[in-house]
Amino acid sequence: MLFKFKSQAASDLIMLEADARRLLKIILDKDPVQGIVLAQDLPAAMARLEAAVAQDEATRKQRAAQNKPEEETAERADDGEAKLQEAVSLAQRAAPMLKLLKLSSAQGADVVWGV
């Protein structure tokens, strides 16, 4: 399933379900199939996402310093999916969403998905 995020401030953002749900869980503490983030709530959503990215980067640096392969720390049962998930950082996954949120916030536009 694909998630399509829409805003009048930017072009549509299409994400795979797993990635979209992960970001929505960070932004909203839930992962609804459809919803809206109002313009006035965008700064808080961006702050939560940026904090999660910073936390992920710190964790990755700590793992690298301990010389632990990232695959060993993955929480997924499927090894192939875990390696892929860990190979792509949260910062890379979140970059398009952060751009959409920033553009929408600057223009006072809501972000909707699943409608």
N, C-alpha and C. Protein backbone atom coordinates (compact mmCIF):
# COMPACT_ATOMS: atom_id res chain seq x y z
N MET A 1 0.84 -1.17 0.00
CA MET A 1 0.00 0.00 0.00
C MET A 1 0.89 1.23 0.00
N LEU A 2 0.45 2.26 -0.67
CA LEU A 2 1.18 3.52 -0.72
C LEU A 2 0.42 4.59 0.05
N PHE A 3 1.16 5.49 0.65
CA PHE A 3 0.58 6.66 1.30
C PHE A 3 0.89 7.86 0.43
N LYS A 4 -0.10 8.70 0.19
CA LYS A 4 0.10 9.91 -0.60
C LYS A 4 -0.21 11.10 0.30
N PHE A 5 0.83 11.89 0.57
CA PHE A 5 0.69 13.08 1.40
C PHE A 5 0.49 14.27 0.47
N LYS A 6 -0.50 15.09 0.78
CA LYS A 6 -0.84 16.23 -0.07
C LYS A 6 -0.82 17.52 0.73
N SER A 7 -0.42 18.58 0.04
CA SER A 7 -0.43 19.92 0.61
C SER A 7 -0.54 20.91 -0.54
N GLN A 8 -1.21 22.01 -0.30
CA GLN A 8 -1.31 23.04 -1.32
C GLN A 8 0.02 23.76 -1.51
N ALA A 9 0.95 23.57 -0.60
CA ALA A 9 2.23 24.26 -0.65
C ALA A 9 3.29 23.54 -1.46
N ALA A 10 3.07 22.25 -1.76
CA ALA A 10 4.11 21.46 -2.43
C ALA A 10 3.46 20.34 -3.24
N SER A 11 4.29 19.68 -4.02
CA SER A 11 3.79 18.54 -4.78
C SER A 11 3.54 17.37 -3.83
N ASP A 12 2.80 16.39 -4.31
CA ASP A 12 2.45 15.23 -3.50
C ASP A 12 3.71 14.42 -3.14
N LEU A 13 3.67 13.83 -1.97
CA LEU A 13 4.74 12.96 -1.50
C LEU A 13 4.16 11.56 -1.38
N ILE A 14 4.73 10.62 -2.11
CA ILE A 14 4.25 9.24 -2.09
C ILE A 14 5.30 8.38 -1.40
N MET A 15 4.85 7.60 -0.41
CA MET A 15 5.75 6.75 0.36
C MET A 15 5.16 5.35 0.49
N LEU A 16 6.05 4.39 0.65
CA LEU A 16 5.60 3.04 0.97
C LEU A 16 4.97 3.03 2.36
N GLU A 17 4.06 2.11 2.58
CA GLU A 17 3.30 2.07 3.82
C GLU A 17 4.19 1.99 5.06
N ALA A 18 5.17 1.11 5.06
CA ALA A 18 6.01 0.92 6.25
C ALA A 18 6.76 2.21 6.61
N ASP A 19 7.29 2.89 5.62
CA ASP A 19 8.02 4.13 5.88
C ASP A 19 7.08 5.23 6.35
N ALA A 20 5.93 5.34 5.70
CA ALA A 20 4.96 6.37 6.07
C ALA A 20 4.45 6.14 7.49
N ARG A 21 4.14 4.91 7.82
CA ARG A 21 3.64 4.62 9.17
C ARG A 21 4.72 4.91 10.22
N ARG A 22 5.95 4.62 9.91
CA ARG A 22 7.04 4.91 10.85
C ARG A 22 7.13 6.41 11.12
N LEU A 23 7.07 7.21 10.06
CA LEU A 23 7.14 8.67 10.23
C LEU A 23 5.91 9.22 10.93
N LEU A 24 4.73 8.70 10.59
CA LEU A 24 3.50 9.16 11.25
C LEU A 24 3.52 8.81 12.73
N LYS A 25 4.07 7.66 13.07
CA LYS A 25 4.17 7.26 14.48
C LYS A 25 5.05 8.26 15.25
N ILE A 26 6.10 8.74 14.60
CA ILE A 26 6.97 9.73 15.23
C ILE A 26 6.24 11.07 15.36
N ILE A 27 5.61 11.49 14.28
CA ILE A 27 4.98 12.81 14.24
C ILE A 27 3.73 12.88 15.12
N LEU A 28 2.90 11.84 15.07
CA LEU A 28 1.58 11.89 15.71
C LEU A 28 1.41 10.93 16.88
N ASP A 29 2.37 10.07 17.15
CA ASP A 29 2.25 9.00 18.14
C ASP A 29 1.20 7.97 17.75
N LYS A 30 0.79 7.96 16.50
CA LYS A 30 -0.10 6.95 15.95
C LYS A 30 0.15 6.92 14.45
N ASP A 31 -0.43 5.96 13.77
CA ASP A 31 -0.19 5.86 12.33
C ASP A 31 -1.50 5.61 11.57
N PRO A 32 -2.37 6.59 11.54
CA PRO A 32 -3.65 6.42 10.85
C PRO A 32 -3.48 6.32 9.34
N VAL A 33 -4.40 5.59 8.71
CA VAL A 33 -4.37 5.42 7.26
C VAL A 33 -4.74 6.73 6.56
N GLN A 34 -5.56 7.53 7.19
CA GLN A 34 -5.86 8.84 6.64
C GLN A 34 -5.88 9.85 7.77
N GLY A 35 -5.60 11.10 7.43
CA GLY A 35 -5.58 12.10 8.47
C GLY A 35 -5.13 13.45 7.95
N ILE A 36 -4.88 14.33 8.91
CA ILE A 36 -4.49 15.69 8.59
C ILE A 36 -3.60 16.22 9.71
N VAL A 37 -2.61 16.99 9.31
CA VAL A 37 -1.83 17.76 10.27
C VAL A 37 -2.11 19.21 9.93
N LEU A 38 -2.76 19.90 10.84
CA LEU A 38 -3.13 21.29 10.61
C LEU A 38 -1.90 22.18 10.57
N ALA A 39 -2.02 23.28 9.86
CA ALA A 39 -0.89 24.20 9.69
C ALA A 39 -0.31 24.64 11.04
N GLN A 40 -1.16 24.89 12.02
CA GLN A 40 -0.66 25.35 13.32
C GLN A 40 0.07 24.25 14.08
N ASP A 41 -0.14 22.98 13.71
CA ASP A 41 0.53 21.87 14.37
C ASP A 41 1.82 21.45 13.68
N LEU A 42 2.11 22.02 12.53
CA LEU A 42 3.29 21.62 11.76
C LEU A 42 4.62 21.89 12.47
N PRO A 43 4.81 23.03 13.14
CA PRO A 43 6.09 23.23 13.84
C PRO A 43 6.38 22.16 14.89
N ALA A 44 5.36 21.75 15.63
CA ALA A 44 5.56 20.69 16.63
C ALA A 44 5.86 19.36 15.95
N ALA A 45 5.20 19.08 14.84
CA ALA A 45 5.45 17.84 14.10
C ALA A 45 6.87 17.82 13.57
N MET A 46 7.33 18.94 13.03
CA MET A 46 8.71 19.01 12.54
C MET A 46 9.71 18.83 13.67
N ALA A 47 9.44 19.42 14.81
CA ALA A 47 10.35 19.30 15.95
C ALA A 47 10.46 17.84 16.40
N ARG A 48 9.33 17.12 16.46
CA ARG A 48 9.38 15.71 16.86
C ARG A 48 10.16 14.87 15.86
N LEU A 49 9.95 15.14 14.57
CA LEU A 49 10.65 14.38 13.54
C LEU A 49 12.15 14.69 13.55
N GLU A 50 12.51 15.95 13.71
CA GLU A 50 13.92 16.33 13.77
C GLU A 50 14.60 15.74 15.00
N ALA A 51 13.89 15.69 16.12
CA ALA A 51 14.45 15.09 17.34
C ALA A 51 14.67 13.59 17.15
N ALA A 52 13.75 12.92 16.48
CA ALA A 52 13.90 11.49 16.22
C ALA A 52 15.07 11.23 15.28
N VAL A 53 15.25 12.09 14.29
CA VAL A 53 16.38 11.96 13.37
C VAL A 53 17.69 12.14 14.13
N ALA A 54 17.76 13.14 14.99
CA ALA A 54 18.96 13.38 15.79
C ALA A 54 19.26 12.18 16.69
N GLN A 55 18.22 11.62 17.30
CA GLN A 55 18.39 10.44 18.16
C GLN A 55 18.91 9.25 17.35
N ASP A 56 18.36 9.04 16.16
CA ASP A 56 18.79 7.95 15.29
C ASP A 56 20.24 8.13 14.88
N GLU A 57 20.62 9.34 14.53
CA GLU A 57 22.02 9.60 14.13
C GLU A 57 22.97 9.36 15.29
N ALA A 58 22.57 9.76 16.49
CA ALA A 58 23.41 9.52 17.67
C ALA A 58 23.57 8.02 17.93
N THR A 59 22.49 7.28 17.78
CA THR A 59 22.54 5.83 17.96
C THR A 59 23.44 5.18 16.93
N ARG A 60 23.35 5.63 15.68
CA ARG A 60 24.20 5.08 14.62
C ARG A 60 25.67 5.37 14.90
N LYS A 61 25.99 6.57 15.37
CA LYS A 61 27.38 6.91 15.69
C LYS A 61 27.89 6.07 16.85
N GLN A 62 27.03 5.83 17.84
CA GLN A 62 27.43 5.02 18.98
C GLN A 62 27.70 3.58 18.54
N ARG A 63 26.85 3.04 17.67
CA ARG A 63 27.08 1.69 17.15
C ARG A 63 28.38 1.61 16.37
N ALA A 64 28.64 2.62 15.57
CA ALA A 64 29.87 2.64 14.77
C ALA A 64 31.09 2.70 15.69
N ALA A 65 30.99 3.47 16.76
CA ALA A 65 32.11 3.58 17.70
C ALA A 65 32.37 2.26 18.42
N GLN A 66 31.33 1.49 18.63
CA GLN A 66 31.47 0.20 19.30
C GLN A 66 31.81 -0.92 18.32
N ASN A 67 31.88 -0.56 17.02
CA ASN A 67 32.18 -1.52 15.96
C ASN A 67 31.22 -2.69 15.90
N LYS A 68 29.95 -2.43 16.22
CA LYS A 68 28.92 -3.46 16.11
C LYS A 68 28.29 -3.34 14.73
N PRO A 69 28.17 -4.44 14.03
CA PRO A 69 27.45 -4.37 12.77
C PRO A 69 26.00 -3.99 13.02
N GLU A 70 25.48 -3.11 12.21
CA GLU A 70 24.11 -2.64 12.40
C GLU A 70 23.09 -3.76 12.28
N GLU A 71 23.41 -4.79 11.50
CA GLU A 71 22.46 -5.88 11.32
C GLU A 71 22.19 -6.61 12.64
N GLU A 72 23.19 -6.65 13.53
CA GLU A 72 23.02 -7.36 14.79
C GLU A 72 22.04 -6.65 15.71
N THR A 73 21.90 -5.36 15.56
CA THR A 73 21.04 -4.61 16.46
C THR A 73 19.64 -4.40 15.89
N ALA A 74 19.40 -4.88 14.69
CA ALA A 74 18.08 -4.71 14.07
C ALA A 74 17.04 -5.50 14.85
N GLU A 75 15.86 -4.94 14.94
CA GLU A 75 14.80 -5.57 15.72
C GLU A 75 13.86 -6.38 14.84
N ARG A 76 14.04 -6.40 13.56
CA ARG A 76 13.14 -7.11 12.66
C ARG A 76 13.52 -8.58 12.58
N ALA A 77 12.54 -9.43 12.38
CA ALA A 77 12.79 -10.86 12.30
C ALA A 77 13.40 -11.25 10.95
N ASP A 78 12.98 -10.62 9.90
CA ASP A 78 13.47 -10.94 8.56
C ASP A 78 14.83 -10.28 8.36
N ASP A 79 15.87 -11.08 8.19
CA ASP A 79 17.23 -10.55 8.08
C ASP A 79 17.41 -9.62 6.91
N GLY A 80 16.88 -9.97 5.75
CA GLY A 80 17.02 -9.12 4.57
C GLY A 80 16.37 -7.77 4.77
N GLU A 81 15.18 -7.77 5.34
CA GLU A 81 14.47 -6.51 5.59
C GLU A 81 15.19 -5.69 6.66
N ALA A 82 15.73 -6.36 7.67
CA ALA A 82 16.43 -5.66 8.73
C ALA A 82 17.67 -4.96 8.19
N LYS A 83 18.42 -5.64 7.33
CA LYS A 83 19.63 -5.04 6.76
C LYS A 83 19.28 -3.83 5.92
N LEU A 84 18.23 -3.96 5.13
CA LEU A 84 17.81 -2.84 4.29
C LEU A 84 17.32 -1.69 5.15
N GLN A 85 16.53 -2.00 6.17
CA GLN A 85 15.98 -0.97 7.04
C GLN A 85 17.11 -0.21 7.74
N GLU A 86 18.12 -0.92 8.20
CA GLU A 86 19.23 -0.29 8.89
C GLU A 86 20.18 0.42 7.93
N ALA A 87 20.22 -0.02 6.68
CA ALA A 87 21.12 0.59 5.71
C ALA A 87 20.66 2.00 5.34
N VAL A 88 19.37 2.23 5.38
CA VAL A 88 18.82 3.55 5.06
C VAL A 88 18.46 4.22 6.38
N SER A 89 19.09 5.34 6.63
CA SER A 89 18.89 6.01 7.92
C SER A 89 17.55 6.72 7.99
N LEU A 90 17.14 7.01 9.19
CA LEU A 90 15.89 7.75 9.40
C LEU A 90 16.00 9.14 8.76
N ALA A 91 17.18 9.72 8.80
CA ALA A 91 17.37 11.04 8.18
C ALA A 91 17.06 10.99 6.69
N GLN A 92 17.47 9.91 6.03
CA GLN A 92 17.19 9.77 4.60
C GLN A 92 15.70 9.54 4.36
N ARG A 93 15.07 8.75 5.19
CA ARG A 93 13.64 8.48 5.04
C ARG A 93 12.81 9.72 5.35
N ALA A 94 13.26 10.51 6.31
CA ALA A 94 12.47 11.66 6.76
C ALA A 94 12.69 12.92 5.94
N ALA A 95 13.74 12.99 5.16
CA ALA A 95 14.07 14.23 4.43
C ALA A 95 12.92 14.73 3.54
N PRO A 96 12.29 13.88 2.73
CA PRO A 96 11.18 14.40 1.92
C PRO A 96 9.99 14.88 2.76
N MET A 97 9.72 14.17 3.86
CA MET A 97 8.62 14.57 4.74
C MET A 97 8.94 15.90 5.42
N LEU A 98 10.17 16.06 5.89
CA LEU A 98 10.55 17.33 6.51
C LEU A 98 10.43 18.49 5.52
N LYS A 99 10.82 18.25 4.29
CA LYS A 99 10.70 19.29 3.26
C LYS A 99 9.24 19.66 3.05
N LEU A 100 8.37 18.66 2.96
CA LEU A 100 6.94 18.92 2.80
C LEU A 100 6.38 19.69 3.99
N LEU A 101 6.75 19.29 5.19
CA LEU A 101 6.26 19.97 6.39
C LEU A 101 6.75 21.41 6.45
N LYS A 102 8.01 21.65 6.10
CA LYS A 102 8.56 23.01 6.13
C LYS A 102 7.89 23.92 5.11
N LEU A 103 7.71 23.43 3.89
CA LEU A 103 7.04 24.22 2.86
C LEU A 103 5.60 24.52 3.26
N SER A 104 4.93 23.52 3.80
CA SER A 104 3.55 23.69 4.22
C SER A 104 3.43 24.67 5.37
N SER A 105 4.34 24.58 6.31
CA SER A 105 4.34 25.49 7.46
C SER A 105 4.59 26.93 7.01
N ALA A 106 5.53 27.10 6.10
CA ALA A 106 5.86 28.45 5.62
C ALA A 106 4.67 29.11 4.91
N GLN A 107 3.84 28.30 4.25
CA GLN A 107 2.70 28.85 3.53
C GLN A 107 1.39 28.69 4.29
N GLY A 108 1.44 28.14 5.48
CA GLY A 108 0.23 27.99 6.29
C GLY A 108 -0.76 26.98 5.72
N ALA A 109 -0.24 25.94 5.07
CA ALA A 109 -1.08 24.93 4.45
C ALA A 109 -1.09 23.66 5.28
N ASP A 110 -2.23 22.99 5.34
CA ASP A 110 -2.36 21.72 6.04
C ASP A 110 -1.74 20.61 5.20
N VAL A 111 -1.37 19.51 5.86
CA VAL A 111 -0.89 18.30 5.18
C VAL A 111 -1.92 17.21 5.42
N VAL A 112 -2.41 16.60 4.33
CA VAL A 112 -3.41 15.54 4.45
C VAL A 112 -2.90 14.29 3.75
N TRP A 113 -3.46 13.15 4.11
CA TRP A 113 -3.13 11.90 3.43
C TRP A 113 -4.32 10.95 3.54
N GLY A 114 -4.38 10.04 2.57
CA GLY A 114 -5.42 9.01 2.57
C GLY A 114 -6.80 9.49 2.20
N VAL A 115 -6.91 10.67 1.64
CA VAL A 115 -8.23 11.18 1.24
C VAL A 115 -8.32 11.33 -0.24
